[in-house]
Amino acid sequence: MTALVKRMKAAERQSQQLRDRLLTADAERVAGQAADLGPVLFATAHTDLAPRPLAELVRARLPHARPGVVAVASPEGFVVAVNEPAKVSRVSAAALVKLVLDGRGGGNAALAQGKRPADSEATTDRLTRLLAEYSG
């Protein structure tokens, strides 16, 4: 019985390591495809997993010299994360979430979340337009 429990725990660790590697690879891909909206980089993703870990990993992979915004939608919710240069430029994740989710959601300047919108693609498009207007 003990051997079986040890094998199950080892399999669980291996499974978690694989999920972590997939998440990291996905974050690198999303960060690499960030849209250049002038002074702001904007990365978006849709995932079937929890959105917050992906948003945080993508934010960490955006260039540190430019303001960056990340939006991740999933069945669990909608998350916006901004990097330090964006916060210095007075871009707030909480304000962006409230704007695109019609006042719902919350968080702080660096990370905010809300309930998944019915049309997450339209919400991401709305956020893109807001950032483009801010940049313009």
N, C-alpha and C. Protein backbone atom coordinates (compact mmCIF):
# COMPACT_ATOMS: atom_id res chain seq x y z
N MET A 1 0.82 -1.20 0.00
CA MET A 1 0.00 0.00 0.00
C MET A 1 0.86 1.27 0.00
N THR A 2 1.93 1.27 0.80
CA THR A 2 2.80 2.44 0.87
C THR A 2 3.45 2.72 -0.47
N ALA A 3 3.84 1.67 -1.17
CA ALA A 3 4.45 1.85 -2.49
C ALA A 3 3.47 2.48 -3.47
N LEU A 4 2.22 2.07 -3.39
CA LEU A 4 1.20 2.63 -4.27
C LEU A 4 0.98 4.12 -3.97
N VAL A 5 0.94 4.49 -2.71
CA VAL A 5 0.78 5.90 -2.31
C VAL A 5 1.97 6.71 -2.80
N LYS A 6 3.17 6.17 -2.66
CA LYS A 6 4.36 6.88 -3.13
C LYS A 6 4.32 7.08 -4.64
N ARG A 7 3.89 6.05 -5.37
CA ARG A 7 3.78 6.18 -6.83
C ARG A 7 2.73 7.20 -7.23
N MET A 8 1.61 7.22 -6.50
CA MET A 8 0.56 8.20 -6.79
C MET A 8 1.07 9.62 -6.53
N LYS A 9 1.77 9.83 -5.44
CA LYS A 9 2.31 11.16 -5.13
C LYS A 9 3.35 11.58 -6.16
N ALA A 10 4.17 10.65 -6.59
CA ALA A 10 5.16 10.95 -7.62
C ALA A 10 4.48 11.32 -8.93
N ALA A 11 3.42 10.61 -9.26
CA ALA A 11 2.67 10.91 -10.49
C ALA A 11 2.01 12.28 -10.39
N GLU A 12 1.49 12.63 -9.22
CA GLU A 12 0.88 13.94 -9.02
C GLU A 12 1.93 15.05 -9.16
N ARG A 13 3.12 14.85 -8.60
CA ARG A 13 4.20 15.84 -8.73
C ARG A 13 4.59 16.01 -10.19
N GLN A 14 4.71 14.90 -10.88
CA GLN A 14 5.08 14.96 -12.29
C GLN A 14 4.00 15.66 -13.11
N SER A 15 2.76 15.39 -12.81
CA SER A 15 1.65 16.05 -13.49
C SER A 15 1.68 17.55 -13.24
N GLN A 16 1.94 17.97 -12.01
CA GLN A 16 2.01 19.39 -11.69
C GLN A 16 3.19 20.05 -12.40
N GLN A 17 4.31 19.36 -12.46
CA GLN A 17 5.47 19.90 -13.17
C GLN A 17 5.17 20.10 -14.65
N LEU A 18 4.47 19.17 -15.24
CA LEU A 18 4.08 19.30 -16.65
C LEU A 18 3.12 20.47 -16.85
N ARG A 19 2.14 20.61 -15.95
CA ARG A 19 1.20 21.74 -16.05
C ARG A 19 1.96 23.06 -15.92
N ASP A 20 2.92 23.12 -15.00
CA ASP A 20 3.71 24.34 -14.82
C ASP A 20 4.52 24.66 -16.07
N ARG A 21 5.11 23.65 -16.68
CA ARG A 21 5.89 23.88 -17.90
C ARG A 21 5.00 24.34 -19.04
N LEU A 22 3.81 23.75 -19.16
CA LEU A 22 2.87 24.19 -20.20
C LEU A 22 2.42 25.62 -19.97
N LEU A 23 2.15 25.97 -18.72
CA LEU A 23 1.74 27.33 -18.39
C LEU A 23 2.85 28.33 -18.71
N THR A 24 4.08 27.97 -18.38
CA THR A 24 5.22 28.84 -18.67
C THR A 24 5.39 29.02 -20.18
N ALA A 25 5.28 27.94 -20.92
CA ALA A 25 5.40 28.03 -22.38
C ALA A 25 4.28 28.88 -22.97
N ASP A 26 3.08 28.72 -22.45
CA ASP A 26 1.95 29.53 -22.92
C ASP A 26 2.19 31.00 -22.61
N ALA A 27 2.71 31.30 -21.43
CA ALA A 27 2.99 32.68 -21.04
C ALA A 27 4.04 33.30 -21.97
N GLU A 28 5.06 32.55 -22.29
CA GLU A 28 6.09 33.06 -23.19
C GLU A 28 5.51 33.35 -24.58
N ARG A 29 4.64 32.46 -25.05
CA ARG A 29 4.00 32.66 -26.36
C ARG A 29 3.12 33.91 -26.35
N VAL A 30 2.31 34.05 -25.32
CA VAL A 30 1.39 35.21 -25.24
C VAL A 30 2.18 36.51 -25.14
N ALA A 31 3.20 36.53 -24.30
CA ALA A 31 4.02 37.75 -24.15
C ALA A 31 4.71 38.10 -25.47
N GLY A 32 5.16 37.08 -26.19
CA GLY A 32 5.82 37.32 -27.47
C GLY A 32 4.89 37.85 -28.55
N GLN A 33 3.58 37.65 -28.37
CA GLN A 33 2.61 38.12 -29.35
C GLN A 33 1.90 39.39 -28.90
N ALA A 34 2.44 40.07 -27.91
CA ALA A 34 1.82 41.30 -27.40
C ALA A 34 1.70 42.33 -28.52
N ALA A 35 0.55 42.97 -28.58
CA ALA A 35 0.31 44.01 -29.59
C ALA A 35 0.97 45.31 -29.15
N ASP A 36 1.59 45.97 -30.08
CA ASP A 36 2.25 47.25 -29.81
C ASP A 36 1.23 48.35 -30.08
N LEU A 37 0.73 48.97 -29.02
CA LEU A 37 -0.26 50.04 -29.16
C LEU A 37 0.38 51.40 -28.89
N GLY A 38 1.55 51.60 -29.45
CA GLY A 38 2.28 52.85 -29.20
C GLY A 38 3.12 52.68 -27.95
N PRO A 39 2.85 53.49 -26.94
CA PRO A 39 3.66 53.35 -25.73
C PRO A 39 3.28 52.14 -24.86
N VAL A 40 2.15 51.48 -25.16
CA VAL A 40 1.67 50.38 -24.33
C VAL A 40 1.70 49.07 -25.12
N LEU A 41 2.25 48.02 -24.49
CA LEU A 41 2.17 46.68 -25.05
C LEU A 41 0.94 46.02 -24.44
N PHE A 42 0.19 45.27 -25.26
CA PHE A 42 -1.03 44.65 -24.79
C PHE A 42 -1.05 43.19 -25.21
N ALA A 43 -1.08 42.30 -24.21
CA ALA A 43 -1.11 40.86 -24.46
C ALA A 43 -2.45 40.31 -24.00
N THR A 44 -3.04 39.45 -24.81
CA THR A 44 -4.33 38.85 -24.45
C THR A 44 -4.25 37.34 -24.60
N ALA A 45 -5.07 36.67 -23.80
CA ALA A 45 -5.13 35.21 -23.89
C ALA A 45 -6.48 34.73 -23.40
N HIS A 46 -6.87 33.57 -23.89
CA HIS A 46 -8.04 32.85 -23.41
C HIS A 46 -7.52 31.49 -22.95
N THR A 47 -7.95 31.06 -21.78
CA THR A 47 -7.48 29.80 -21.24
C THR A 47 -8.63 29.04 -20.59
N ASP A 48 -8.48 27.75 -20.50
CA ASP A 48 -9.46 26.93 -19.79
C ASP A 48 -9.06 26.76 -18.33
N LEU A 49 -7.89 27.27 -17.99
CA LEU A 49 -7.38 27.16 -16.62
C LEU A 49 -7.68 28.44 -15.86
N ALA A 50 -7.22 28.51 -14.64
CA ALA A 50 -7.38 29.73 -13.85
C ALA A 50 -6.62 30.87 -14.54
N PRO A 51 -7.24 32.04 -14.71
CA PRO A 51 -6.61 33.11 -15.49
C PRO A 51 -5.49 33.85 -14.76
N ARG A 52 -5.55 33.92 -13.45
CA ARG A 52 -4.57 34.75 -12.72
C ARG A 52 -3.13 34.27 -12.88
N PRO A 53 -2.83 32.97 -12.71
CA PRO A 53 -1.42 32.57 -12.88
C PRO A 53 -0.87 32.89 -14.27
N LEU A 54 -1.68 32.70 -15.30
CA LEU A 54 -1.22 33.01 -16.65
C LEU A 54 -0.99 34.51 -16.79
N ALA A 55 -1.90 35.33 -16.29
CA ALA A 55 -1.74 36.79 -16.38
C ALA A 55 -0.46 37.24 -15.68
N GLU A 56 -0.19 36.68 -14.51
CA GLU A 56 1.02 37.07 -13.77
C GLU A 56 2.29 36.64 -14.49
N LEU A 57 2.28 35.44 -15.07
CA LEU A 57 3.46 34.98 -15.80
C LEU A 57 3.70 35.79 -17.07
N VAL A 58 2.63 36.13 -17.78
CA VAL A 58 2.78 36.94 -18.99
C VAL A 58 3.32 38.32 -18.62
N ARG A 59 2.73 38.93 -17.58
CA ARG A 59 3.20 40.26 -17.14
C ARG A 59 4.69 40.23 -16.84
N ALA A 60 5.16 39.19 -16.20
CA ALA A 60 6.58 39.08 -15.84
C ALA A 60 7.47 38.93 -17.07
N ARG A 61 6.90 38.50 -18.18
CA ARG A 61 7.68 38.29 -19.39
C ARG A 61 7.62 39.47 -20.37
N LEU A 62 6.81 40.46 -20.09
CA LEU A 62 6.78 41.66 -20.94
C LEU A 62 8.04 42.48 -20.67
N PRO A 63 8.50 43.24 -21.67
CA PRO A 63 9.68 44.07 -21.45
C PRO A 63 9.48 45.01 -20.25
N HIS A 64 10.49 45.13 -19.42
CA HIS A 64 10.38 45.95 -18.21
C HIS A 64 10.55 47.43 -18.49
N ALA A 65 10.96 47.78 -19.70
CA ALA A 65 11.20 49.18 -20.02
C ALA A 65 9.94 49.87 -20.57
N ARG A 66 8.91 49.12 -20.89
CA ARG A 66 7.70 49.70 -21.49
C ARG A 66 6.47 49.33 -20.69
N PRO A 67 5.48 50.22 -20.68
CA PRO A 67 4.22 49.87 -20.03
C PRO A 67 3.58 48.67 -20.73
N GLY A 68 3.07 47.74 -19.94
CA GLY A 68 2.45 46.56 -20.50
C GLY A 68 1.18 46.20 -19.75
N VAL A 69 0.19 45.74 -20.50
CA VAL A 69 -1.09 45.32 -19.94
C VAL A 69 -1.38 43.92 -20.46
N VAL A 70 -1.87 43.06 -19.57
CA VAL A 70 -2.22 41.69 -19.92
C VAL A 70 -3.67 41.46 -19.55
N ALA A 71 -4.43 40.87 -20.45
CA ALA A 71 -5.82 40.49 -20.16
C ALA A 71 -5.98 39.00 -20.46
N VAL A 72 -6.51 38.27 -19.49
CA VAL A 72 -6.72 36.83 -19.66
C VAL A 72 -8.16 36.50 -19.28
N ALA A 73 -8.84 35.84 -20.20
CA ALA A 73 -10.22 35.41 -19.96
C ALA A 73 -10.25 33.89 -19.85
N SER A 74 -11.11 33.40 -18.98
CA SER A 74 -11.30 31.95 -18.83
C SER A 74 -12.72 31.73 -18.34
N PRO A 75 -13.16 30.48 -18.29
CA PRO A 75 -14.48 30.22 -17.72
C PRO A 75 -14.59 30.67 -16.26
N GLU A 76 -13.45 30.78 -15.58
CA GLU A 76 -13.44 31.21 -14.18
C GLU A 76 -13.54 32.72 -14.00
N GLY A 77 -13.14 33.50 -15.00
CA GLY A 77 -13.19 34.94 -14.84
C GLY A 77 -12.34 35.68 -15.85
N PHE A 78 -12.18 36.97 -15.59
CA PHE A 78 -11.44 37.87 -16.46
C PHE A 78 -10.42 38.60 -15.59
N VAL A 79 -9.15 38.55 -15.97
CA VAL A 79 -8.08 39.14 -15.16
C VAL A 79 -7.29 40.12 -16.01
N VAL A 80 -6.96 41.27 -15.42
CA VAL A 80 -6.08 42.24 -16.06
C VAL A 80 -4.90 42.47 -15.13
N ALA A 81 -3.71 42.42 -15.69
CA ALA A 81 -2.49 42.69 -14.93
C ALA A 81 -1.69 43.74 -15.67
N VAL A 82 -1.08 44.67 -14.95
CA VAL A 82 -0.22 45.68 -15.56
C VAL A 82 1.15 45.61 -14.90
N ASN A 83 2.19 45.94 -15.68
CA ASN A 83 3.53 45.92 -15.13
C ASN A 83 3.85 47.26 -14.46
N GLU A 84 5.03 47.34 -13.86
CA GLU A 84 5.42 48.54 -13.11
C GLU A 84 5.46 49.80 -13.98
N PRO A 85 6.05 49.76 -15.20
CA PRO A 85 6.03 50.97 -16.03
C PRO A 85 4.61 51.44 -16.35
N ALA A 86 3.66 50.52 -16.49
CA ALA A 86 2.27 50.92 -16.74
C ALA A 86 1.70 51.62 -15.51
N LYS A 87 1.99 51.08 -14.33
CA LYS A 87 1.50 51.72 -13.10
C LYS A 87 2.09 53.13 -12.96
N VAL A 88 3.37 53.28 -13.29
CA VAL A 88 4.01 54.60 -13.23
C VAL A 88 3.35 55.55 -14.22
N SER A 89 2.89 55.01 -15.35
CA SER A 89 2.18 55.81 -16.36
C SER A 89 0.71 55.99 -16.01
N ARG A 90 0.33 55.60 -14.81
CA ARG A 90 -1.01 55.76 -14.28
C ARG A 90 -2.06 54.89 -14.98
N VAL A 91 -1.62 53.73 -15.45
CA VAL A 91 -2.54 52.73 -15.98
C VAL A 91 -2.86 51.79 -14.82
N SER A 92 -4.13 51.64 -14.51
CA SER A 92 -4.55 50.84 -13.37
C SER A 92 -5.36 49.62 -13.83
N ALA A 93 -4.94 48.44 -13.38
CA ALA A 93 -5.68 47.23 -13.72
C ALA A 93 -7.11 47.31 -13.19
N ALA A 94 -7.28 47.82 -11.97
CA ALA A 94 -8.62 47.91 -11.38
C ALA A 94 -9.51 48.83 -12.20
N ALA A 95 -8.98 49.97 -12.62
CA ALA A 95 -9.78 50.90 -13.43
C ALA A 95 -10.15 50.27 -14.78
N LEU A 96 -9.21 49.56 -15.40
CA LEU A 96 -9.49 48.93 -16.69
C LEU A 96 -10.57 47.86 -16.55
N VAL A 97 -10.48 47.04 -15.51
CA VAL A 97 -11.50 46.00 -15.31
C VAL A 97 -12.86 46.64 -15.11
N LYS A 98 -12.93 47.67 -14.30
CA LYS A 98 -14.22 48.33 -14.07
C LYS A 98 -14.77 48.96 -15.35
N LEU A 99 -13.89 49.51 -16.18
CA LEU A 99 -14.35 50.10 -17.45
C LEU A 99 -14.92 49.06 -18.40
N VAL A 100 -14.22 47.94 -18.55
CA VAL A 100 -14.68 46.96 -19.54
C VAL A 100 -15.75 46.01 -19.00
N LEU A 101 -15.88 45.92 -17.68
CA LEU A 101 -16.92 45.07 -17.10
C LEU A 101 -18.05 45.90 -16.50
N ASP A 102 -18.19 47.11 -17.00
CA ASP A 102 -19.30 48.00 -16.59
C ASP A 102 -19.39 48.17 -15.07
N GLY A 103 -18.25 48.47 -14.46
CA GLY A 103 -18.23 48.79 -13.03
C GLY A 103 -18.10 47.59 -12.12
N ARG A 104 -18.13 46.39 -12.67
CA ARG A 104 -18.01 45.19 -11.84
C ARG A 104 -16.54 44.76 -11.78
N GLY A 105 -16.19 44.05 -10.73
CA GLY A 105 -14.83 43.56 -10.58
C GLY A 105 -14.04 44.48 -9.68
N GLY A 106 -12.85 44.06 -9.36
CA GLY A 106 -12.02 44.87 -8.49
C GLY A 106 -10.63 44.30 -8.35
N GLY A 107 -9.84 45.01 -7.61
CA GLY A 107 -8.45 44.62 -7.40
C GLY A 107 -7.65 45.84 -7.06
N ASN A 108 -6.43 45.88 -7.54
CA ASN A 108 -5.58 47.04 -7.29
C ASN A 108 -4.94 47.50 -8.59
N ALA A 109 -4.02 48.42 -8.50
CA ALA A 109 -3.42 48.98 -9.72
C ALA A 109 -2.67 47.94 -10.54
N ALA A 110 -2.12 46.93 -9.87
CA ALA A 110 -1.31 45.94 -10.57
C ALA A 110 -2.10 44.75 -11.10
N LEU A 111 -3.17 44.35 -10.39
CA LEU A 111 -3.90 43.16 -10.77
C LEU A 111 -5.36 43.30 -10.36
N ALA A 112 -6.26 43.01 -11.28
CA ALA A 112 -7.69 43.09 -10.96
C ALA A 112 -8.42 41.99 -11.71
N GLN A 113 -9.58 41.63 -11.19
CA GLN A 113 -10.34 40.56 -11.83
C GLN A 113 -11.82 40.78 -11.66
N GLY A 114 -12.56 40.09 -12.49
CA GLY A 114 -14.01 40.16 -12.42
C GLY A 114 -14.60 38.90 -13.00
N LYS A 115 -15.91 38.85 -12.92
CA LYS A 115 -16.64 37.70 -13.47
C LYS A 115 -16.43 37.65 -14.98
N ARG A 116 -16.33 36.45 -15.50
CA ARG A 116 -16.15 36.28 -16.94
C ARG A 116 -17.32 36.91 -17.68
N PRO A 117 -17.01 37.79 -18.63
CA PRO A 117 -18.09 38.39 -19.42
C PRO A 117 -18.71 37.36 -20.37
N ALA A 118 -19.94 37.62 -20.76
CA ALA A 118 -20.63 36.71 -21.68
C ALA A 118 -19.85 36.58 -22.99
N ASP A 119 -19.28 37.66 -23.47
CA ASP A 119 -18.50 37.65 -24.70
C ASP A 119 -17.10 38.17 -24.39
N SER A 120 -16.21 37.27 -24.01
CA SER A 120 -14.87 37.70 -23.59
C SER A 120 -14.08 38.29 -24.75
N GLU A 121 -14.34 37.84 -25.97
CA GLU A 121 -13.63 38.41 -27.11
C GLU A 121 -14.02 39.88 -27.31
N ALA A 122 -15.30 40.19 -27.18
CA ALA A 122 -15.75 41.58 -27.30
C ALA A 122 -15.17 42.42 -26.17
N THR A 123 -15.06 41.86 -24.99
CA THR A 123 -14.49 42.58 -23.85
C THR A 123 -13.02 42.88 -24.10
N THR A 124 -12.29 41.91 -24.63
CA THR A 124 -10.88 42.12 -24.96
C THR A 124 -10.75 43.18 -26.05
N ASP A 125 -11.63 43.15 -27.05
CA ASP A 125 -11.61 44.17 -28.10
C ASP A 125 -11.87 45.56 -27.51
N ARG A 126 -12.79 45.63 -26.57
CA ARG A 126 -13.10 46.92 -25.92
C ARG A 126 -11.88 47.44 -25.16
N LEU A 127 -11.18 46.54 -24.49
CA LEU A 127 -9.98 46.92 -23.76
C LEU A 127 -8.89 47.38 -24.73
N THR A 128 -8.77 46.72 -25.86
CA THR A 128 -7.80 47.13 -26.89
C THR A 128 -8.09 48.55 -27.35
N ARG A 129 -9.37 48.85 -27.61
CA ARG A 129 -9.74 50.21 -28.04
C ARG A 129 -9.43 51.24 -26.96
N LEU A 130 -9.72 50.90 -25.71
CA LEU A 130 -9.42 51.83 -24.61
C LEU A 130 -7.92 52.13 -24.52
N LEU A 131 -7.12 51.08 -24.64
CA LEU A 131 -5.66 51.27 -24.57
C LEU A 131 -5.14 52.03 -25.76
N ALA A 132 -5.71 51.79 -26.94
CA ALA A 132 -5.30 52.51 -28.14
C ALA A 132 -5.64 54.00 -28.00
N GLU A 133 -6.81 54.30 -27.43
CA GLU A 133 -7.18 55.70 -27.20
C GLU A 133 -6.25 56.33 -26.18
N TYR A 134 -5.91 55.58 -25.14
CA TYR A 134 -4.98 56.10 -24.13
C TYR A 134 -3.62 56.39 -24.77
N SER A 135 -3.21 55.51 -25.66
CA SER A 135 -1.91 55.66 -26.30
C SER A 135 -1.90 56.78 -27.32
N GLY A 136 -3.06 57.02 -27.90
CA GLY A 136 -3.13 58.02 -28.96
C GLY A 136 -3.26 59.36 -28.40
